[in-house]
Amino acid sequence: MKLLNVDLLDGTSLTAEFARRPLLLIFIGLAVGIAAPIAPGALVVLLGVLVWLKALKPWACLIPSFLIGLMLSPTQVARVESDSFVTVSGRIGSTPSEGTYGFRCRLVTSQNQFLLAGTGSSPVRLGEQVEVKGVLRPFQEESSAVYIQRGLQGKLQVDPGGVVVLYPAPWLLRVSDSLRESFKGFLSKSLKSREASLAGALCMSLNGEIEPEMMDSLKSTGTIHLISASGLHFMFLSMALFGVFSVTPLPRPLVWWIVAMIMLIYGLAAGLHPPVIRAICVILIAKSATFFRRDFDTWSALALVGGGYLLFEPRALFEIGFQLSFLTVALLGLVS
């Protein structure tokens, strides 16, 4: 059986394949370091890799990245225990989701993070600096563990008029938000409510507008992941864009930047979730390898993107979306 273009029965060749991928080793060390304080069993993975890779060079990649991971490992957040009226200032840290429940998004302050929630449509957009007056409440018991794992301390419930925008979002985020809202308006005018909600979820990850009965049906059948913007969307988009620009006289570096900007704006409009980030970065890395006549290595590209993401969001390592997104493509890379 062949794996990574080597015979699985040949342990020496397989070890060499891993040893010549320093980015992969750095990612493994970083991930184990982040996970170790929370799940000490992860140290077994690091020790196993160290024993398996006996050369000095792989150790030099694993150990420093492991120590960096230890420093980045998230600590347990302090939960909100009771209701209290607060006034806080912070930045909107996620694309607001909207639905029958109102709106929800992440509010990042200088020291804490909360789930900002309210009724009606969202008065904020990703990247805005806001001042919020509302009631800070603890999460319900059934959802508390999920939110605490994401670093959120409590739910900040606001009434209409309880949010004041202090500084607008950067221009790129404003453009992506305008694209998102324009697409929602186009769907509402062109399709019936049920079809519009499905199309919005499929193209822009607007899952909050799907009817609760349909959401329950999708969850029970295990198909909820199908109605969201995924790596497949961005693969087709990149193929179409590079194909169109290939017949123009534009230089290839300029084409790369134009396509990257279009995909970034679409990704921001779709929520910029881990699968979206992974898809955009890996596609652009693969195209860069083609431009510079270099061999593209799936594992190294995934390790570079995943490691970079964990440096900014170490808690993502424990989220199922991050794990499935990267592991699925990594497994495909094993047999390619």
Protein backbone atom coordinates (compact mmCIF):
# COMPACT_ATOMS: atom_id res chain seq x y z
CA MET A 1 0.00 0.00 0.00
CA LYS A 2 1.30 3.45 -0.96
CA LEU A 3 1.02 6.51 1.29
CA LEU A 4 2.70 9.86 0.67
CA ASN A 5 4.26 8.17 -2.37
CA VAL A 6 6.14 5.67 -0.20
CA ASP A 7 5.59 2.09 0.81
CA LEU A 8 3.87 1.87 4.20
CA LEU A 9 5.90 -1.22 4.98
CA ASP A 10 9.12 0.74 4.58
CA GLY A 11 9.34 2.58 7.91
CA THR A 12 12.61 4.30 7.03
CA SER A 13 11.15 5.94 3.90
CA LEU A 14 7.99 7.02 5.71
CA THR A 15 10.04 8.56 8.52
CA ALA A 16 12.10 10.45 5.96
CA GLU A 17 8.92 11.78 4.33
CA PHE A 18 7.79 13.29 7.63
CA ALA A 19 11.26 14.53 8.56
CA ARG A 20 11.56 16.53 5.33
CA ARG A 21 8.38 18.47 6.12
CA PRO A 22 9.45 20.98 8.80
CA LEU A 23 6.16 22.89 8.58
CA LEU A 24 4.25 19.73 9.43
CA LEU A 25 6.48 19.05 12.42
CA ILE A 26 6.11 22.65 13.62
CA PHE A 27 2.33 22.34 13.38
CA ILE A 28 2.34 19.06 15.35
CA GLY A 29 4.48 20.58 18.08
CA LEU A 30 2.32 23.72 18.24
CA ALA A 31 -0.96 21.75 18.39
CA VAL A 32 0.34 19.38 21.08
CA GLY A 33 1.64 22.33 23.12
CA ILE A 34 -1.75 24.07 22.99
CA ALA A 35 -3.62 20.89 23.89
CA ALA A 36 -1.26 19.55 26.60
CA PRO A 37 -2.42 21.67 29.58
CA ILE A 38 -6.05 20.79 28.85
CA ALA A 39 -5.55 17.22 27.58
CA PRO A 40 -2.24 15.86 28.98
CA GLY A 41 -2.65 12.74 26.87
CA ALA A 42 -1.57 14.83 23.87
CA LEU A 43 2.00 14.57 25.18
CA VAL A 44 1.96 10.92 24.11
CA VAL A 45 1.69 12.12 20.51
CA LEU A 46 4.73 14.36 20.88
CA LEU A 47 6.79 11.67 22.57
CA GLY A 48 5.80 9.16 19.93
CA VAL A 49 6.86 11.47 17.11
CA LEU A 50 10.15 12.27 18.86
CA VAL A 51 10.96 8.59 19.27
CA TRP A 52 9.94 7.82 15.71
CA LEU A 53 11.99 10.67 14.22
CA LYS A 54 15.41 10.05 15.70
CA ALA A 55 17.33 12.66 13.72
CA LEU A 56 18.30 15.94 15.39
CA LYS A 57 16.73 18.22 12.76
CA PRO A 58 13.08 17.15 13.38
CA TRP A 59 13.59 17.65 17.11
CA ALA A 60 14.68 21.23 16.44
CA CYS A 61 11.29 21.87 14.78
CA LEU A 62 9.11 20.05 17.30
CA ILE A 63 10.47 21.27 20.63
CA PRO A 64 10.42 25.08 20.03
CA SER A 65 6.93 24.95 18.49
CA PHE A 66 5.75 22.82 21.41
CA LEU A 67 7.00 25.44 23.89
CA ILE A 68 5.24 28.19 21.91
CA GLY A 69 2.06 26.12 22.01
CA LEU A 70 2.34 25.81 25.78
CA MET A 71 2.54 29.59 26.09
CA LEU A 72 -0.49 30.04 23.82
CA SER A 73 -2.62 27.38 25.48
CA PRO A 74 -5.91 29.00 26.55
CA THR A 75 -6.78 29.26 30.21
CA GLN A 76 -10.16 28.61 31.75
CA VAL A 77 -12.35 31.71 31.47
CA ALA A 78 -14.28 33.05 34.43
CA ARG A 79 -17.99 32.37 33.96
CA VAL A 80 -20.67 34.95 34.57
CA GLU A 81 -22.65 33.66 37.56
CA SER A 82 -25.54 36.13 37.85
CA ASP A 83 -27.39 38.85 35.94
CA SER A 84 -25.94 42.37 36.05
CA PHE A 85 -26.39 45.58 34.09
CA VAL A 86 -23.13 46.63 32.43
CA THR A 87 -21.70 49.18 30.02
CA VAL A 88 -18.71 47.93 28.04
CA SER A 89 -16.72 48.99 24.99
CA GLY A 90 -15.16 46.57 22.54
CA ARG A 91 -14.83 45.27 19.01
CA ILE A 92 -17.24 43.07 17.08
CA GLY A 93 -15.16 39.91 16.60
CA SER A 94 -17.40 37.78 14.38
CA THR A 95 -19.87 38.22 11.55
CA PRO A 96 -23.30 38.69 13.19
CA SER A 97 -25.74 35.85 12.55
CA GLU A 98 -29.41 36.70 12.23
CA GLY A 99 -32.57 34.64 12.46
CA THR A 100 -35.87 34.25 14.24
CA TYR A 101 -33.96 34.53 17.52
CA GLY A 102 -32.62 37.98 16.62
CA PHE A 103 -28.89 38.51 16.17
CA ARG A 104 -25.73 37.11 17.79
CA CYS A 105 -22.04 37.90 17.50
CA ARG A 106 -18.81 37.93 19.51
CA LEU A 107 -17.92 41.07 21.45
CA VAL A 108 -14.21 41.36 22.29
CA THR A 109 -13.22 43.80 25.03
CA SER A 110 -9.75 44.55 26.38
CA GLN A 111 -9.97 41.70 28.90
CA ASN A 112 -13.09 39.62 28.17
CA GLN A 113 -15.22 38.15 25.41
CA PHE A 114 -19.03 37.94 25.44
CA LEU A 115 -21.83 36.70 23.22
CA LEU A 116 -23.66 39.87 22.15
CA ALA A 117 -27.33 39.13 21.48
CA GLY A 118 -30.47 41.11 20.80
CA THR A 119 -33.80 41.14 19.00
CA GLY A 120 -34.40 42.18 15.42
CA SER A 121 -31.70 42.69 12.80
CA SER A 122 -28.09 43.28 13.78
CA PRO A 123 -27.12 46.94 14.38
CA VAL A 124 -23.41 46.10 14.09
CA ARG A 125 -20.97 44.61 11.63
CA LEU A 126 -17.69 42.74 11.91
CA GLY A 127 -14.76 44.96 12.96
CA GLU A 128 -16.73 47.88 14.39
CA GLN A 129 -15.76 49.47 17.71
CA VAL A 130 -18.91 49.77 19.83
CA GLU A 131 -20.21 50.76 23.25
CA VAL A 132 -22.84 48.40 24.61
CA LYS A 133 -25.34 48.82 27.44
CA GLY A 134 -27.23 45.71 28.46
CA VAL A 135 -27.77 42.85 30.85
CA LEU A 136 -24.90 40.39 31.24
CA ARG A 137 -26.30 36.92 31.91
CA PRO A 138 -24.82 33.43 32.42
CA PHE A 139 -25.29 30.89 29.64
CA GLN A 140 -27.95 28.23 29.90
CA GLU A 141 -26.64 24.98 31.30
CA GLU A 142 -27.08 22.96 28.08
CA SER A 143 -25.01 25.41 25.98
CA SER A 144 -22.59 26.66 28.64
CA ALA A 145 -19.76 24.21 27.92
CA VAL A 146 -19.65 25.05 24.20
CA TYR A 147 -19.51 28.81 24.73
CA ILE A 148 -17.01 28.61 27.59
CA GLN A 149 -14.73 26.47 25.40
CA ARG A 150 -14.83 29.26 22.80
CA GLY A 151 -13.65 31.74 25.43
CA LEU A 152 -17.01 33.48 25.95
CA GLN A 153 -17.81 34.35 29.55
CA GLY A 154 -21.49 35.18 29.29
CA LYS A 155 -24.34 36.47 27.19
CA LEU A 156 -24.74 40.25 26.89
CA GLN A 157 -28.40 40.88 26.06
CA VAL A 158 -29.14 44.32 24.59
CA ASP A 159 -32.34 46.14 23.72
CA PRO A 160 -32.81 48.24 20.56
CA GLY A 161 -30.71 51.37 20.97
CA GLY A 162 -28.36 49.69 23.43
CA VAL A 163 -25.46 49.63 20.97
CA VAL A 164 -23.57 52.72 19.84
CA VAL A 165 -20.97 52.46 17.07
CA LEU A 166 -17.86 54.39 18.09
CA TYR A 167 -15.64 53.66 15.07
CA PRO A 168 -16.60 52.05 11.76
CA ALA A 169 -15.14 48.77 10.51
CA PRO A 170 -12.14 48.81 8.11
CA TRP A 171 -13.11 49.36 4.49
CA LEU A 172 -12.58 45.73 3.44
CA LEU A 173 -14.99 44.52 6.11
CA ARG A 174 -17.53 47.16 5.05
CA VAL A 175 -17.30 45.97 1.45
CA SER A 176 -17.84 42.33 2.44
CA ASP A 177 -20.78 43.29 4.67
CA SER A 178 -22.36 45.24 1.81
CA LEU A 179 -21.94 42.19 -0.43
CA ARG A 180 -23.60 40.00 2.19
CA GLU A 181 -26.55 42.37 2.65
CA SER A 182 -26.98 42.89 -1.10
CA PHE A 183 -27.05 39.14 -1.66
CA LYS A 184 -29.68 38.73 1.08
CA GLY A 185 -31.79 41.44 -0.53
CA PHE A 186 -31.46 39.83 -3.96
CA LEU A 187 -32.59 36.45 -2.61
CA SER A 188 -35.57 37.89 -0.78
CA LYS A 189 -36.77 39.56 -3.99
CA SER A 190 -36.04 36.65 -6.33
CA LEU A 191 -37.05 33.56 -4.33
CA LYS A 192 -39.68 32.39 -1.91
CA SER A 193 -38.82 32.49 1.77
CA ARG A 194 -37.93 28.79 2.09
CA GLU A 195 -35.76 28.70 -1.05
CA ALA A 196 -34.13 32.04 -0.18
CA SER A 197 -33.08 30.80 3.26
CA LEU A 198 -31.53 27.65 1.78
CA ALA A 199 -29.70 29.58 -0.95
CA GLY A 200 -28.42 32.07 1.62
CA ALA A 201 -27.13 29.28 3.83
CA LEU A 202 -25.48 27.46 0.92
CA CYS A 203 -23.75 30.52 -0.54
CA MET A 204 -23.15 32.77 2.48
CA SER A 205 -23.56 30.49 5.53
CA LEU A 206 -26.75 32.34 6.52
CA ASN A 207 -27.98 29.39 8.56
CA GLY A 208 -29.83 31.53 11.09
CA GLU A 209 -32.60 32.31 8.62
CA ILE A 210 -33.55 28.68 8.00
CA GLU A 211 -36.85 27.60 9.50
CA PRO A 212 -36.41 25.80 12.86
CA GLU A 213 -38.26 22.72 11.60
CA MET A 214 -35.89 22.40 8.64
CA MET A 215 -32.86 22.92 10.88
CA ASP A 216 -34.04 20.11 13.17
CA SER A 217 -34.50 17.85 10.13
CA LEU A 218 -31.01 18.62 8.81
CA LYS A 219 -29.46 18.03 12.24
CA SER A 220 -31.26 14.71 12.70
CA THR A 221 -30.09 13.45 9.30
CA GLY A 222 -26.51 14.66 9.79
CA THR A 223 -26.63 16.91 6.70
CA ILE A 224 -26.46 20.29 8.42
CA HIS A 225 -22.85 20.78 7.25
CA LEU A 226 -23.96 20.71 3.60
CA ILE A 227 -25.77 24.06 3.78
CA SER A 228 -22.85 26.40 4.34
CA ALA A 229 -20.08 27.97 2.33
CA SER A 230 -17.29 25.40 2.10
CA GLY A 231 -13.94 24.81 0.49
CA LEU A 232 -15.68 23.43 -2.60
CA HIS A 233 -17.28 26.82 -3.26
CA PHE A 234 -13.90 28.53 -3.20
CA MET A 235 -12.25 25.87 -5.34
CA PHE A 236 -14.84 26.37 -8.09
CA LEU A 237 -14.67 30.15 -7.71
CA SER A 238 -10.87 30.17 -7.99
CA MET A 239 -10.95 27.88 -11.04
CA ALA A 240 -13.45 30.16 -12.75
CA LEU A 241 -11.55 33.35 -11.90
CA PHE A 242 -8.12 32.06 -12.91
CA GLY A 243 -9.68 30.64 -16.08
CA VAL A 244 -11.21 33.99 -17.03
CA PHE A 245 -8.05 35.98 -16.27
CA SER A 246 -5.87 33.47 -18.14
CA VAL A 247 -7.15 34.86 -21.47
CA THR A 248 -6.30 38.44 -20.50
CA PRO A 249 -2.91 40.16 -20.95
CA LEU A 250 -2.65 40.86 -17.22
CA PRO A 251 0.59 39.65 -15.58
CA ARG A 252 0.23 36.55 -13.42
CA PRO A 253 1.22 38.23 -10.12
CA LEU A 254 -1.50 40.85 -10.66
CA VAL A 255 -4.04 38.13 -11.45
CA TRP A 256 -3.07 36.34 -8.24
CA TRP A 257 -3.69 39.47 -6.17
CA ILE A 258 -7.02 40.21 -7.87
CA VAL A 259 -8.28 36.66 -7.31
CA ALA A 260 -7.00 36.70 -3.72
CA MET A 261 -8.87 39.95 -3.02
CA ILE A 262 -12.12 38.62 -4.53
CA MET A 263 -11.89 35.40 -2.55
CA LEU A 264 -11.06 37.27 0.66
CA ILE A 265 -14.08 39.56 0.28
CA TYR A 266 -16.33 36.55 -0.40
CA GLY A 267 -14.79 34.70 2.54
CA LEU A 268 -15.45 37.63 4.88
CA ALA A 269 -19.02 37.86 3.62
CA ALA A 270 -19.46 34.14 4.30
CA GLY A 271 -18.22 34.48 7.89
CA LEU A 272 -14.55 33.53 7.47
CA HIS A 273 -14.95 30.24 9.35
CA PRO A 274 -11.98 27.79 9.60
CA PRO A 275 -13.01 25.78 6.48
CA VAL A 276 -13.20 29.02 4.49
CA ILE A 277 -9.81 30.25 5.72
CA ARG A 278 -8.25 26.87 5.00
CA ALA A 279 -9.68 26.76 1.49
CA ILE A 280 -8.65 30.29 0.51
CA CYS A 281 -5.09 29.98 1.82
CA VAL A 282 -4.40 26.50 0.44
CA ILE A 283 -5.79 27.41 -3.00
CA LEU A 284 -3.62 30.53 -3.17
CA ILE A 285 -0.54 28.63 -1.98
CA ALA A 286 -1.16 25.96 -4.63
CA LYS A 287 -1.49 28.57 -7.36
CA SER A 288 1.66 30.32 -6.12
CA ALA A 289 3.55 27.05 -6.39
CA THR A 290 2.38 26.76 -9.99
CA PHE A 291 3.48 30.30 -10.81
CA PHE A 292 6.95 29.73 -9.38
CA ARG A 293 7.22 26.21 -10.87
CA ARG A 294 7.47 24.57 -7.46
CA ASP A 295 6.00 21.29 -6.29
CA PHE A 296 2.87 21.76 -4.18
CA ASP A 297 2.74 19.72 -0.98
CA THR A 298 -0.71 19.42 0.58
CA TRP A 299 0.50 18.57 4.07
CA SER A 300 2.98 21.43 4.24
CA ALA A 301 0.36 23.90 2.98
CA LEU A 302 -2.19 22.70 5.53
CA ALA A 303 0.39 22.86 8.31
CA LEU A 304 1.33 26.43 7.35
CA VAL A 305 -2.30 27.60 7.28
CA GLY A 306 -3.33 25.66 10.38
CA GLY A 307 -0.32 26.77 12.39
CA GLY A 308 -0.83 30.40 11.41
CA TYR A 309 -4.50 30.21 12.40
CA LEU A 310 -3.69 28.67 15.79
CA LEU A 311 -1.21 31.44 16.55
CA PHE A 312 -4.12 33.90 16.49
CA GLU A 313 -6.94 31.60 17.67
CA PRO A 314 -5.48 28.77 19.79
CA ARG A 315 -8.95 27.84 21.07
CA ALA A 316 -9.88 26.81 17.52
CA LEU A 317 -7.90 23.60 18.04
CA PHE A 318 -10.73 22.29 20.23
CA GLU A 319 -13.55 23.18 17.81
CA ILE A 320 -15.00 20.47 15.60
CA GLY A 321 -15.12 22.77 12.56
CA PHE A 322 -11.36 23.34 12.63
CA GLN A 323 -10.60 19.67 13.28
CA LEU A 324 -12.83 18.28 10.52
CA SER A 325 -11.78 20.89 7.98
CA PHE A 326 -8.06 20.24 8.29
CA LEU A 327 -8.16 16.51 9.03
CA THR A 328 -10.39 15.75 6.04
CA VAL A 329 -8.08 17.47 3.56
CA ALA A 330 -5.01 15.99 5.29
CA LEU A 331 -6.41 12.47 4.89
CA LEU A 332 -7.12 13.15 1.23
CA GLY A 333 -3.53 14.32 0.88
CA LEU A 334 -2.32 11.00 2.31
CA VAL A 335 -3.61 9.01 -0.63
CA SER A 336 -3.10 11.58 -3.37
